[in-house]
């Protein structure tokens, strides 16, 4: 029977699975598959696997419980295998790789940080700092601009916005880098200029959080910082 896979741990992990429900309408019980020094947490796979809020929540609850008790290599929502033998074979064939990853993640959690700047504030800054942008904007508003002026202004603002946001993102990352073992950046979405995950060890946790809070305060009300964590280290698995 197909199985749904949540996480990989060392077999000496406490593996407290009591009270947890597996992914799927039937709320299957959780169990383990062991091979050598490794262990996979699994349950019967549902016939239809969809990222419903209930099931995503259950998946996350398993990761959080395991993370509370020890090191975990969390799999993202949706991983399945044909049967337990396939899981055991994967643990055996990639034992060294999984063990190395678990040791690398020992004592660590993930924090994900997204940041955005108020668009009107950013535009005012560009118009204040760029004489060309300010002149084009004034001419457009006065009705004396050349036909292609709006296009020129739009391109100028877009280029300046990109350059400024890249510099801001780099500055935030560099300020937090000393407190992270690893960093994983992803393309920001929407109005965000930053989307980055930090792998933070327990002995750096307080310093990381204090520095992030200080950065948010220093950058002011025009910026919105959204920090999510501590999380299982999905981005570094």
C-alpha atoms as a PDB file:
ATOM      1  CA  UNK A   1       0.000   0.000   0.000  1.00  0.00           C
ATOM      2  CA  UNK A   2       1.200   3.522  -0.817  1.00  0.00           C
ATOM      3  CA  UNK A   3       2.558   5.508   2.095  1.00  0.00           C
ATOM      4  CA  UNK A   4       2.764   9.214   2.784  1.00  0.00           C
ATOM      5  CA  UNK A   5       6.154  10.400   4.085  1.00  0.00           C
ATOM      6  CA  UNK A   6       6.503  13.211   6.621  1.00  0.00           C
ATOM      7  CA  UNK A   7      10.079  13.279   7.854  1.00  0.00           C
ATOM      8  CA  UNK A   8      13.365  11.490   8.266  1.00  0.00           C
ATOM      9  CA  UNK A   9      15.141  11.317  11.622  1.00  0.00           C
ATOM     10  CA  UNK A  10      17.807   9.276  13.339  1.00  0.00           C
ATOM     11  CA  UNK A  11      16.243   6.173  14.888  1.00  0.00           C
ATOM     12  CA  UNK A  12      17.193   7.329  18.410  1.00  0.00           C
ATOM     13  CA  UNK A  13      14.832  10.310  18.063  1.00  0.00           C
ATOM     14  CA  UNK A  14      12.043  10.118  20.721  1.00  0.00           C
ATOM     15  CA  UNK A  15       9.438   9.916  17.922  1.00  0.00           C
ATOM     16  CA  UNK A  16       6.482  10.972  20.042  1.00  0.00           C
ATOM     17  CA  UNK A  17       3.648  10.433  17.573  1.00  0.00           C
ATOM     18  CA  UNK A  18       0.809   9.955  20.069  1.00  0.00           C
ATOM     19  CA  UNK A  19      -2.209  12.170  19.498  1.00  0.00           C
ATOM     20  CA  UNK A  20      -1.200  13.106  15.959  1.00  0.00           C
ATOM     21  CA  UNK A  21      -3.386  12.419  12.926  1.00  0.00           C
ATOM     22  CA  UNK A  22      -2.097  11.595   9.484  1.00  0.00           C
ATOM     23  CA  UNK A  23      -2.918  13.291   6.191  1.00  0.00           C
ATOM     24  CA  UNK A  24      -6.200  12.198   4.605  1.00  0.00           C
ATOM     25  CA  UNK A  25      -9.924  12.023   5.286  1.00  0.00           C
ATOM     26  CA  UNK A  26      -9.552   8.784   7.234  1.00  0.00           C
ATOM     27  CA  UNK A  27      -7.032  10.354   9.657  1.00  0.00           C
ATOM     28  CA  UNK A  28      -4.576   7.424   9.370  1.00  0.00           C
ATOM     29  CA  UNK A  29      -2.260   6.664  12.265  1.00  0.00           C
ATOM     30  CA  UNK A  30       1.425   7.433  12.032  1.00  0.00           C
ATOM     31  CA  UNK A  31       4.164   4.823  12.147  1.00  0.00           C
ATOM     32  CA  UNK A  32       7.858   4.502  11.405  1.00  0.00           C
ATOM     33  CA  UNK A  33      10.008   2.719   8.858  1.00  0.00           C
ATOM     34  CA  UNK A  34      13.571   2.031  10.044  1.00  0.00           C
ATOM     35  CA  UNK A  35      16.728   1.225   8.110  1.00  0.00           C
ATOM     36  CA  UNK A  36      20.104   1.258   9.830  1.00  0.00           C
ATOM     37  CA  UNK A  37      20.495   4.459  11.841  1.00  0.00           C
ATOM     38  CA  UNK A  38      17.639   6.229  10.041  1.00  0.00           C
ATOM     39  CA  UNK A  39      13.905   6.324  10.493  1.00  0.00           C
ATOM     40  CA  UNK A  40      11.082   7.692   8.311  1.00  0.00           C
ATOM     41  CA  UNK A  41       7.749   8.805   9.745  1.00  0.00           C
ATOM     42  CA  UNK A  42       4.906   7.662   7.472  1.00  0.00           C
ATOM     43  CA  UNK A  43       1.192   6.887   7.310  1.00  0.00           C
ATOM     44  CA  UNK A  44      -1.112   5.251   4.792  1.00  0.00           C
ATOM     45  CA  UNK A  45      -1.401   7.562   1.795  1.00  0.00           C
ATOM     46  CA  UNK A  46      -4.869   8.917   0.993  1.00  0.00           C
ATOM     47  CA  UNK A  47      -6.459   7.965  -2.328  1.00  0.00           C
ATOM     48  CA  UNK A  48      -6.619  11.643  -3.299  1.00  0.00           C
ATOM     49  CA  UNK A  49      -3.874  13.894  -2.031  1.00  0.00           C
ATOM     50  CA  UNK A  50      -4.697  17.585  -2.134  1.00  0.00           C
ATOM     51  CA  UNK A  51      -3.242  20.490  -0.151  1.00  0.00           C
ATOM     52  CA  UNK A  52      -6.339  21.099   1.953  1.00  0.00           C
ATOM     53  CA  UNK A  53      -5.880  23.286   5.001  1.00  0.00           C
ATOM     54  CA  UNK A  54      -6.676  20.366   7.304  1.00  0.00           C
ATOM     55  CA  UNK A  55      -4.043  18.103   5.768  1.00  0.00           C
ATOM     56  CA  UNK A  56      -1.371  20.764   5.422  1.00  0.00           C
ATOM     57  CA  UNK A  57      -1.978  21.545   9.087  1.00  0.00           C
ATOM     58  CA  UNK A  58      -1.587  17.903  10.073  1.00  0.00           C
ATOM     59  CA  UNK A  59       1.620  17.636   8.068  1.00  0.00           C
ATOM     60  CA  UNK A  60       2.983  20.682   9.852  1.00  0.00           C
ATOM     61  CA  UNK A  61       1.940  19.402  13.281  1.00  0.00           C
ATOM     62  CA  UNK A  62       4.015  16.262  12.753  1.00  0.00           C
ATOM     63  CA  UNK A  63       7.065  18.335  11.821  1.00  0.00           C
ATOM     64  CA  UNK A  64       6.670  20.656  14.791  1.00  0.00           C
ATOM     65  CA  UNK A  65       6.299  17.756  17.255  1.00  0.00           C
ATOM     66  CA  UNK A  66       9.407  16.041  15.908  1.00  0.00           C
ATOM     67  CA  UNK A  67      11.352  19.314  15.872  1.00  0.00           C
ATOM     68  CA  UNK A  68      10.483  19.924  19.523  1.00  0.00           C
ATOM     69  CA  UNK A  69      12.147  16.662  20.529  1.00  0.00           C
ATOM     70  CA  UNK A  70      15.184  16.563  18.253  1.00  0.00           C
ATOM     71  CA  UNK A  71      16.662  16.960  14.798  1.00  0.00           C
ATOM     72  CA  UNK A  72      14.381  16.349  11.842  1.00  0.00           C
ATOM     73  CA  UNK A  73      14.767  16.302   8.073  1.00  0.00           C
ATOM     74  CA  UNK A  74      11.295  17.525   7.066  1.00  0.00           C
ATOM     75  CA  UNK A  75       9.769  16.702   3.709  1.00  0.00           C
ATOM     76  CA  UNK A  76       7.431  19.194   2.119  1.00  0.00           C
ATOM     77  CA  UNK A  77       3.755  18.363   1.782  1.00  0.00           C
ATOM     78  CA  UNK A  78       2.915  15.730  -0.804  1.00  0.00           C
ATOM     79  CA  UNK A  79       5.697  13.112  -0.767  1.00  0.00           C
ATOM     80  CA  UNK A  80       4.544   9.507  -1.197  1.00  0.00           C
ATOM     81  CA  UNK A  81       6.129   6.123  -1.941  1.00  0.00           C
ATOM     82  CA  UNK A  82       4.624   2.933  -3.390  1.00  0.00           C
ATOM     83  CA  UNK A  83       5.079   1.042  -0.124  1.00  0.00           C
ATOM     84  CA  UNK A  84       7.232   0.726   2.990  1.00  0.00           C
ATOM     85  CA  UNK A  85       9.825  -1.341   1.144  1.00  0.00           C
ATOM     86  CA  UNK A  86      10.437   1.572  -1.229  1.00  0.00           C
ATOM     87  CA  UNK A  87      10.911   3.908   1.741  1.00  0.00           C
ATOM     88  CA  UNK A  88      13.314   1.461   3.392  1.00  0.00           C
ATOM     89  CA  UNK A  89      15.272   1.092   0.148  1.00  0.00           C
ATOM     90  CA  UNK A  90      15.585   4.900  -0.154  1.00  0.00           C
ATOM     91  CA  UNK A  91      16.839   5.166   3.432  1.00  0.00           C
ATOM     92  CA  UNK A  92      19.423   2.476   2.766  1.00  0.00           C
ATOM     93  CA  UNK A  93      20.629   3.751  -0.612  1.00  0.00           C
ATOM     94  CA  UNK A  94      20.986   7.358   0.554  1.00  0.00           C
ATOM     95  CA  UNK A  95      21.920   6.694   4.161  1.00  0.00           C
ATOM     96  CA  UNK A  96      25.117   8.759   4.133  1.00  0.00           C
ATOM     97  CA  UNK A  97      23.435  11.734   2.479  1.00  0.00           C
ATOM     98  CA  UNK A  98      20.479  11.766   4.871  1.00  0.00           C
ATOM     99  CA  UNK A  99      22.744  11.318   7.899  1.00  0.00           C
ATOM    100  CA  UNK A 100      24.961  14.203   6.771  1.00  0.00           C
ATOM    101  CA  UNK A 101      21.940  16.444   6.340  1.00  0.00           C
ATOM    102  CA  UNK A 102      20.585  15.558   9.749  1.00  0.00           C
ATOM    103  CA  UNK A 103      23.914  16.344  11.395  1.00  0.00           C
ATOM    104  CA  UNK A 104      24.036  19.656   9.518  1.00  0.00           C
ATOM    105  CA  UNK A 105      20.574  20.569  10.813  1.00  0.00           C
ATOM    106  CA  UNK A 106      21.211  19.499  14.403  1.00  0.00           C
ATOM    107  CA  UNK A 107      19.991  22.095  16.880  1.00  0.00           C
ATOM    108  CA  UNK A 108      18.726  24.415  14.137  1.00  0.00           C
ATOM    109  CA  UNK A 109      15.415  25.916  13.076  1.00  0.00           C
ATOM    110  CA  UNK A 110      14.372  27.950  10.073  1.00  0.00           C
ATOM    111  CA  UNK A 111      13.192  31.553  10.070  1.00  0.00           C
ATOM    112  CA  UNK A 112      11.632  32.997   6.927  1.00  0.00           C
ATOM    113  CA  UNK A 113      11.710  36.752   6.479  1.00  0.00           C
ATOM    114  CA  UNK A 114       9.750  38.765   3.937  1.00  0.00           C
ATOM    115  CA  UNK A 115       9.952  42.543   3.681  1.00  0.00           C
ATOM    116  CA  UNK A 116       8.194  45.243   1.686  1.00  0.00           C
ATOM    117  CA  UNK A 117       8.434  49.008   1.355  1.00  0.00           C
ATOM    118  CA  UNK A 118       5.456  51.328   1.000  1.00  0.00           C
ATOM    119  CA  UNK A 119       5.213  52.042  -2.743  1.00  0.00           C
ATOM    120  CA  UNK A 120       4.217  55.700  -2.376  1.00  0.00           C
ATOM    121  CA  UNK A 121       7.149  56.354  -0.059  1.00  0.00           C
ATOM    122  CA  UNK A 122       9.526  54.691  -2.504  1.00  0.00           C
ATOM    123  CA  UNK A 123       8.181  56.749  -5.422  1.00  0.00           C
ATOM    124  CA  UNK A 124       8.573  59.984  -3.457  1.00  0.00           C
ATOM    125  CA  UNK A 125      12.165  59.061  -2.674  1.00  0.00           C
ATOM    126  CA  UNK A 126      12.922  58.417  -6.341  1.00  0.00           C
ATOM    127  CA  UNK A 127      11.341  61.686  -7.430  1.00  0.00           C
ATOM    128  CA  UNK A 128      13.264  63.527  -4.727  1.00  0.00           C
ATOM    129  CA  UNK A 129      16.625  61.960  -5.537  1.00  0.00           C
ATOM    130  CA  UNK A 130      16.418  61.788  -9.347  1.00  0.00           C
ATOM    131  CA  UNK A 131      16.339  65.102 -11.165  1.00  0.00           C
ATOM    132  CA  UNK A 132      15.438  63.384 -14.435  1.00  0.00           C
ATOM    133  CA  UNK A 133      12.495  61.544 -12.898  1.00  0.00           C
ATOM    134  CA  UNK A 134      11.296  64.687 -11.160  1.00  0.00           C
ATOM    135  CA  UNK A 135      11.486  66.740 -14.384  1.00  0.00           C
ATOM    136  CA  UNK A 136       9.617  64.122 -16.415  1.00  0.00           C
ATOM    137  CA  UNK A 137       6.936  63.877 -13.740  1.00  0.00           C
ATOM    138  CA  UNK A 138       6.496  67.664 -13.603  1.00  0.00           C
ATOM    139  CA  UNK A 139       6.217  67.893 -17.399  1.00  0.00           C
ATOM    140  CA  UNK A 140       3.647  65.093 -17.538  1.00  0.00           C
ATOM    141  CA  UNK A 141       1.536  66.725 -14.839  1.00  0.00           C
ATOM    142  CA  UNK A 142       1.784  70.106 -16.594  1.00  0.00           C
ATOM    143  CA  UNK A 143       0.806  68.653 -19.969  1.00  0.00           C
ATOM    144  CA  UNK A 144       4.046  69.785 -21.663  1.00  0.00           C
ATOM    145  CA  UNK A 145       5.783  66.407 -21.850  1.00  0.00           C
ATOM    146  CA  UNK A 146       6.806  64.626 -25.017  1.00  0.00           C
ATOM    147  CA  UNK A 147       4.568  61.717 -26.110  1.00  0.00           C
ATOM    148  CA  UNK A 148       7.057  59.128 -24.873  1.00  0.00           C
ATOM    149  CA  UNK A 149       7.634  60.797 -21.499  1.00  0.00           C
ATOM    150  CA  UNK A 150       5.337  58.455 -19.525  1.00  0.00           C
ATOM    151  CA  UNK A 151       7.202  55.457 -20.933  1.00  0.00           C
ATOM    152  CA  UNK A 152      10.562  57.026 -20.075  1.00  0.00           C
ATOM    153  CA  UNK A 153       9.417  57.808 -16.553  1.00  0.00           C
ATOM    154  CA  UNK A 154       8.004  54.327 -16.079  1.00  0.00           C
ATOM    155  CA  UNK A 155      11.258  52.681 -17.176  1.00  0.00           C
ATOM    156  CA  UNK A 156      13.339  55.015 -15.029  1.00  0.00           C
ATOM    157  CA  UNK A 157      11.208  54.359 -11.937  1.00  0.00           C
ATOM    158  CA  UNK A 158      11.228  50.595 -12.564  1.00  0.00           C
ATOM    159  CA  UNK A 159      15.024  50.491 -12.912  1.00  0.00           C
ATOM    160  CA  UNK A 160      15.559  52.676  -9.877  1.00  0.00           C
ATOM    161  CA  UNK A 161      13.091  50.630  -7.832  1.00  0.00           C
ATOM    162  CA  UNK A 162      14.879  47.404  -8.728  1.00  0.00           C
ATOM    163  CA  UNK A 163      18.301  48.819  -7.869  1.00  0.00           C
ATOM    164  CA  UNK A 164      17.132  50.233  -4.560  1.00  0.00           C
ATOM    165  CA  UNK A 165      15.294  47.087  -3.520  1.00  0.00           C
ATOM    166  CA  UNK A 166      18.234  44.845  -4.410  1.00  0.00           C
ATOM    167  CA  UNK A 167      20.471  47.051  -2.251  1.00  0.00           C
ATOM    168  CA  UNK A 168      17.956  46.950   0.608  1.00  0.00           C
ATOM    169  CA  UNK A 169      17.644  43.173   0.423  1.00  0.00           C
ATOM    170  CA  UNK A 170      21.417  42.751   0.393  1.00  0.00           C
ATOM    171  CA  UNK A 171      21.779  45.024   3.407  1.00  0.00           C
ATOM    172  CA  UNK A 172      19.196  43.128   5.459  1.00  0.00           C
ATOM    173  CA  UNK A 173      20.732  39.754   4.597  1.00  0.00           C
ATOM    174  CA  UNK A 174      24.256  40.903   5.448  1.00  0.00           C
ATOM    175  CA  UNK A 175      23.097  42.273   8.803  1.00  0.00           C
ATOM    176  CA  UNK A 176      21.565  38.902   9.735  1.00  0.00           C
ATOM    177  CA  UNK A 177      24.156  36.641   8.096  1.00  0.00           C
ATOM    178  CA  UNK A 178      26.462  36.434  11.176  1.00  0.00           C
ATOM    179  CA  UNK A 179      23.693  34.693  13.141  1.00  0.00           C
ATOM    180  CA  UNK A 180      22.774  32.050  10.526  1.00  0.00           C
ATOM    181  CA  UNK A 181      24.534  28.858   9.530  1.00  0.00           C
ATOM    182  CA  UNK A 182      23.020  28.968   6.069  1.00  0.00           C
ATOM    183  CA  UNK A 183      20.850  31.295   4.006  1.00  0.00           C
ATOM    184  CA  UNK A 184      18.412  30.482   1.212  1.00  0.00           C
ATOM    185  CA  UNK A 185      16.952  33.332  -0.855  1.00  0.00           C
ATOM    186  CA  UNK A 186      14.000  33.055  -3.210  1.00  0.00           C
ATOM    187  CA  UNK A 187      12.490  35.554  -5.672  1.00  0.00           C
ATOM    188  CA  UNK A 188      10.206  37.934  -3.763  1.00  0.00           C
ATOM    189  CA  UNK A 189       6.554  38.086  -4.795  1.00  0.00           C
ATOM    190  CA  UNK A 190       4.144  40.972  -5.083  1.00  0.00           C
ATOM    191  CA  UNK A 191       5.402  44.165  -3.465  1.00  0.00           C
ATOM    192  CA  UNK A 192       8.035  42.373  -1.373  1.00  0.00           C
ATOM    193  CA  UNK A 193      11.678  43.161  -2.012  1.00  0.00           C
ATOM    194  CA  UNK A 194      12.958  40.345   0.171  1.00  0.00           C
ATOM    195  CA  UNK A 195      12.147  36.685   0.701  1.00  0.00           C
ATOM    196  CA  UNK A 196      14.854  34.758   2.508  1.00  0.00           C
ATOM    197  CA  UNK A 197      15.181  31.842   4.917  1.00  0.00           C
ATOM    198  CA  UNK A 198      17.820  31.562   7.626  1.00  0.00           C
ATOM    199  CA  UNK A 199      19.052  28.380   9.283  1.00  0.00           C
ATOM    200  CA  UNK A 200      19.632  29.456  12.881  1.00  0.00           C
ATOM    201  CA  UNK A 201      21.188  27.399  15.664  1.00  0.00           C
ATOM    202  CA  UNK A 202      19.890  27.510  19.228  1.00  0.00           C
ATOM    203  CA  UNK A 203      22.886  29.462  20.520  1.00  0.00           C
ATOM    204  CA  UNK A 204      22.271  32.251  17.955  1.00  0.00           C
ATOM    205  CA  UNK A 205      18.488  32.372  18.167  1.00  0.00           C
ATOM    206  CA  UNK A 206      18.140  35.296  20.573  1.00  0.00           C
ATOM    207  CA  UNK A 207      20.765  37.388  18.755  1.00  0.00           C
ATOM    208  CA  UNK A 208      19.106  36.713  15.416  1.00  0.00           C
ATOM    209  CA  UNK A 209      15.669  37.751  16.690  1.00  0.00           C
ATOM    210  CA  UNK A 210      16.998  40.841  18.435  1.00  0.00           C
ATOM    211  CA  UNK A 211      18.882  41.965  15.326  1.00  0.00           C
ATOM    212  CA  UNK A 212      15.870  41.417  13.076  1.00  0.00           C
ATOM    213  CA  UNK A 213      13.687  43.460  15.424  1.00  0.00           C
ATOM    214  CA  UNK A 214      16.295  46.222  15.547  1.00  0.00           C
ATOM    215  CA  UNK A 215      16.516  46.317  11.742  1.00  0.00           C
ATOM    216  CA  UNK A 216      12.752  46.615  11.390  1.00  0.00           C
ATOM    217  CA  UNK A 217      12.730  49.469  13.902  1.00  0.00           C
ATOM    218  CA  UNK A 218      15.646  51.302  12.264  1.00  0.00           C
ATOM    219  CA  UNK A 219      14.171  51.122   8.770  1.00  0.00           C
ATOM    220  CA  UNK A 220      10.973  52.771   9.952  1.00  0.00           C
ATOM    221  CA  UNK A 221       7.248  52.680   9.356  1.00  0.00           C
ATOM    222  CA  UNK A 222       7.576  52.699   5.553  1.00  0.00           C
ATOM    223  CA  UNK A 223       8.864  49.121   5.767  1.00  0.00           C
ATOM    224  CA  UNK A 224       6.961  45.991   6.731  1.00  0.00           C
ATOM    225  CA  UNK A 225       8.931  43.005   8.053  1.00  0.00           C
ATOM    226  CA  UNK A 226       7.156  39.637   8.311  1.00  0.00           C
ATOM    227  CA  UNK A 227       9.140  37.022  10.194  1.00  0.00           C
ATOM    228  CA  UNK A 228       7.802  33.470  10.330  1.00  0.00           C
ATOM    229  CA  UNK A 229       9.361  30.924  12.671  1.00  0.00           C
ATOM    230  CA  UNK A 230      10.778  28.985  14.281  1.00  0.00           C
ATOM    231  CA  UNK A 231       9.969  26.434  11.572  1.00  0.00           C
ATOM    232  CA  UNK A 232      11.181  22.982  10.628  1.00  0.00           C
ATOM    233  CA  UNK A 233      14.112  23.607   8.241  1.00  0.00           C
ATOM    234  CA  UNK A 234      12.295  22.842   4.978  1.00  0.00           C
ATOM    235  CA  UNK A 235      14.484  25.160   2.918  1.00  0.00           C
ATOM    236  CA  UNK A 236      17.673  23.404   4.031  1.00  0.00           C
ATOM    237  CA  UNK A 237      16.557  19.782   3.760  1.00  0.00           C
END
